[in-house]
Protein backbone atom coordinates (compact mmCIF):
# COMPACT_ATOMS: atom_id res chain seq x y z
CA MET A 1 0.00 0.00 0.00
CA VAL A 2 1.21 3.48 -0.82
CA SER A 3 1.45 6.04 1.94
CA ASN A 4 -1.84 7.89 2.18
CA VAL A 5 -2.32 10.58 -0.47
CA SER A 6 -4.58 12.79 1.67
CA PRO A 7 -2.46 15.04 3.89
CA ALA A 8 -3.56 16.83 7.02
CA ALA A 9 -5.51 20.07 6.98
CA SER A 10 -3.70 23.08 5.65
CA GLY A 11 -1.89 25.67 7.70
CA TYR A 12 -2.16 28.36 5.06
CA SER A 13 -3.08 31.81 6.27
CA ALA A 14 -2.19 35.32 5.28
CA PRO A 15 -2.91 37.75 8.11
CA LEU A 16 -2.45 41.43 7.42
CA PRO A 17 0.35 43.00 9.46
CA SER A 18 -0.60 45.69 11.94
CA SER A 19 0.12 49.25 10.99
CA PRO A 20 2.75 50.92 13.18
CA LYS A 21 0.53 54.06 13.31
CA THR A 22 -2.66 52.96 14.98
CA GLN A 23 -5.31 55.26 16.29
CA GLN A 24 -6.28 55.20 19.96
CA GLN A 25 -6.40 51.47 20.56
CA ASP A 26 -7.67 49.74 23.60
CA PRO A 27 -4.68 47.54 24.56
CA VAL A 28 -7.05 45.14 26.28
CA ASN A 29 -9.23 44.65 23.17
CA PRO A 30 -7.12 44.34 20.01
CA LEU A 31 -10.28 43.63 17.97
CA GLN A 32 -11.17 47.33 18.19
CA ARG A 33 -8.10 48.15 16.14
CA GLN A 34 -8.64 49.28 12.52
CA ASP A 35 -5.45 48.61 10.55
CA THR A 36 -4.79 50.64 7.42
CA VAL A 37 -2.37 50.41 4.52
CA SER A 38 -1.34 53.64 2.79
CA PHE A 39 -0.70 53.99 -0.92
CA GLY A 40 0.56 57.54 -1.34
CA GLN A 41 -2.20 59.79 -0.04
CA THR A 42 -4.87 57.06 -0.13
CA LYS A 43 -5.55 54.96 2.95
CA VAL A 44 -6.83 51.42 2.50
CA THR A 45 -8.36 49.43 5.34
CA GLY A 46 -7.24 45.92 6.14
CA SER A 47 -10.47 44.58 4.70
CA GLN A 48 -9.99 46.49 1.44
CA ALA A 49 -6.39 45.28 1.20
CA GLN A 50 -7.51 41.70 1.80
CA ASN A 51 -10.13 42.07 -0.94
CA MET A 52 -7.44 43.33 -3.34
CA VAL A 53 -5.25 40.33 -2.53
CA TYR A 54 -8.24 38.01 -2.95
CA GLU A 55 -9.13 39.49 -6.36
CA ARG A 56 -5.51 39.23 -7.53
CA ALA A 57 -5.33 35.61 -6.35
CA MET A 58 -8.54 34.80 -8.19
CA GLU A 59 -7.14 36.38 -11.39
CA LYS A 60 -4.03 34.20 -11.10
CA LEU A 61 -6.12 31.12 -10.37
CA ARG A 62 -8.33 31.76 -13.41
CA ALA A 63 -5.21 32.13 -15.57
CA VAL A 64 -3.79 28.82 -14.28
CA VAL A 65 -7.11 27.06 -14.91
CA ASP A 66 -7.37 28.55 -18.42
CA GLU A 67 -3.81 27.44 -19.21
CA ALA A 68 -4.44 23.91 -17.89
CA ARG A 69 -7.70 23.73 -19.84
CA ALA A 70 -5.87 24.71 -23.04
CA GLU A 71 -3.03 22.21 -22.42
CA LEU A 72 -5.53 19.40 -21.82
CA GLY A 73 -7.42 20.32 -24.98
CA VAL A 74 -10.64 21.08 -23.15
CA PRO A 75 -12.58 23.65 -25.20
CA GLU A 76 -13.54 26.94 -23.57
CA GLY A 77 -17.01 26.64 -22.05
CA ALA A 78 -16.99 22.83 -22.12
CA VAL A 79 -18.68 21.18 -19.17
CA LEU A 80 -16.18 19.18 -17.13
CA ASP A 81 -17.25 16.42 -14.75
CA THR A 82 -15.84 17.50 -11.38
CA SER A 83 -17.20 14.57 -9.38
CA PRO A 84 -14.67 12.84 -7.09
CA ASP A 85 -14.68 9.76 -9.38
CA ALA A 86 -13.99 11.71 -12.57
CA THR A 87 -11.43 13.99 -10.91
CA ALA A 88 -9.57 11.03 -9.40
CA GLN A 89 -9.55 9.24 -12.75
CA ARG A 90 -8.10 12.29 -14.54
CA ILE A 91 -5.39 12.61 -11.88
CA LEU A 92 -4.56 8.89 -12.06
CA ASP A 93 -4.51 8.83 -15.87
CA PHE A 94 -2.22 11.85 -15.98
CA ALA A 95 0.11 10.63 -13.22
CA LEU A 96 0.39 6.98 -14.26
CA ASN A 97 1.13 8.07 -17.82
CA PHE A 98 4.64 8.94 -16.58
CA PHE A 99 5.51 5.43 -15.37
CA ASP A 100 7.47 4.36 -18.47
CA LYS A 101 9.65 7.50 -18.47
CA TYR A 102 10.19 7.30 -14.70
CA ALA A 103 11.05 3.59 -14.91
CA GLU A 104 13.52 4.20 -17.74
CA LYS A 105 15.22 7.07 -15.93
CA HIS A 106 15.43 5.18 -12.61
CA GLY A 107 16.17 1.71 -13.98
CA LEU A 108 12.92 0.15 -12.78
CA ASN A 109 11.41 -3.03 -14.12
CA ASP A 110 7.80 -3.20 -15.26
CA ASP A 111 6.90 -5.37 -12.26
CA GLU A 112 5.35 -5.01 -8.80
CA ALA A 113 8.55 -3.66 -7.21
CA GLY A 114 8.90 -1.01 -9.92
CA TRP A 115 5.20 -0.16 -9.77
CA LYS A 116 5.40 0.26 -5.99
CA GLN A 117 8.44 2.55 -6.16
CA PHE A 118 6.74 4.72 -8.77
CA ALA A 119 3.42 4.72 -6.87
CA ASP A 120 5.21 5.82 -3.69
CA PHE A 121 6.83 8.68 -5.59
CA ILE A 122 3.78 9.81 -7.54
CA GLY A 123 1.48 9.29 -4.53
CA GLY A 124 3.65 11.70 -2.55
CA ALA A 125 3.42 14.27 -5.33
CA ILE A 126 -0.36 13.87 -5.52
CA GLY A 127 -0.61 14.15 -1.73
CA GLN A 128 1.38 17.38 -1.85
CA GLY A 129 -0.96 18.71 -4.54
CA ILE A 130 -4.01 17.87 -2.41
CA TYR A 131 -2.43 19.58 0.59
CA GLU A 132 -1.69 22.70 -1.45
CA ALA A 133 -5.18 22.74 -2.98
CA ARG A 134 -6.71 22.58 0.50
CA GLY A 135 -4.45 25.43 1.55
CA ILE A 136 -5.44 27.61 -1.37
CA LEU A 137 -9.15 26.91 -0.92
CA GLY A 138 -8.84 27.54 2.82
CA ALA A 139 -7.02 30.84 2.28
CA LEU A 140 -9.80 31.90 -0.10
CA ASN A 141 -12.46 30.85 2.45
CA ALA A 142 -13.80 28.40 -0.14
CA LEU A 143 -13.15 25.16 1.75
CA ASN A 144 -16.56 24.23 3.10
CA PRO A 145 -17.51 20.79 4.51
CA ASP A 146 -18.93 19.54 1.18
CA ILE A 147 -15.79 20.46 -0.76
CA SER A 148 -13.59 18.98 1.97
CA ALA A 149 -15.58 15.73 1.84
CA ASN A 150 -15.23 15.62 -1.97
CA ILE A 151 -11.48 16.15 -1.66
CA ASP A 152 -11.31 13.29 0.86
CA LYS A 153 -13.36 11.03 -1.44
CA THR A 154 -11.14 11.94 -4.42
CA ALA A 155 -8.02 11.14 -2.38
CA ASP A 156 -9.49 7.77 -1.34
CA ILE A 157 -10.29 6.88 -4.96
CA ILE A 158 -6.77 7.88 -6.01
CA GLN A 159 -5.35 5.71 -3.21
CA LYS A 160 -7.35 2.73 -4.45
CA GLY A 161 -6.16 3.41 -8.01
CA LEU A 162 -2.52 3.51 -6.88
CA ASP A 163 -3.00 0.26 -4.93
CA ASP A 164 -4.51 -1.31 -8.07
CA PHE A 165 -1.54 -0.06 -10.10
CA ILE A 166 0.88 -1.67 -7.62
CA ALA A 167 -0.98 -4.98 -7.86
CA ASN A 168 -1.59 -5.01 -11.62
CA GLY A 169 0.58 -2.42 -13.39
CA LEU A 170 -0.72 -0.39 -16.29
CA THR A 171 -3.48 -1.67 -18.49
CA ARG A 172 -1.95 -1.17 -21.92
CA GLU A 173 -4.03 -0.65 -25.02
CA THR A 174 -2.91 -2.79 -27.98
């Protein structure tokens, strides 16, 4: 069995630093504080700054998704099945596609020992990707219980797929 591909909950967070110039704060209640960021003559509240960072992050995320969509040949506007089963299958298909190159580079045989070594490696990479995805979604306040459960289910399906790969290798089309 490969080490579990679903890592622990993320520790991602991006708190805004406090402004050195704060207005009459109650030292007992730091929640009364209103931090500001200054851009020239314009003052921006912590909430406004966080919204700017959020919007910029979403722009970057959209660009990454658009680039991945183009690389995968998925037409703009196409409906993509995002169920845990379909997502796990896409991840497995993509990842296991690299076995032959990895085996050649690392001198592995196309047997259970070689499959296990590759599955351990690729499972770790997938686990890291899941961890980072949780972190990004958490930082964007988009990680709700339903999404978290779907991520867990996707990770479980991937784990089963990697275990199947270790037991049976790749199913090769002839």
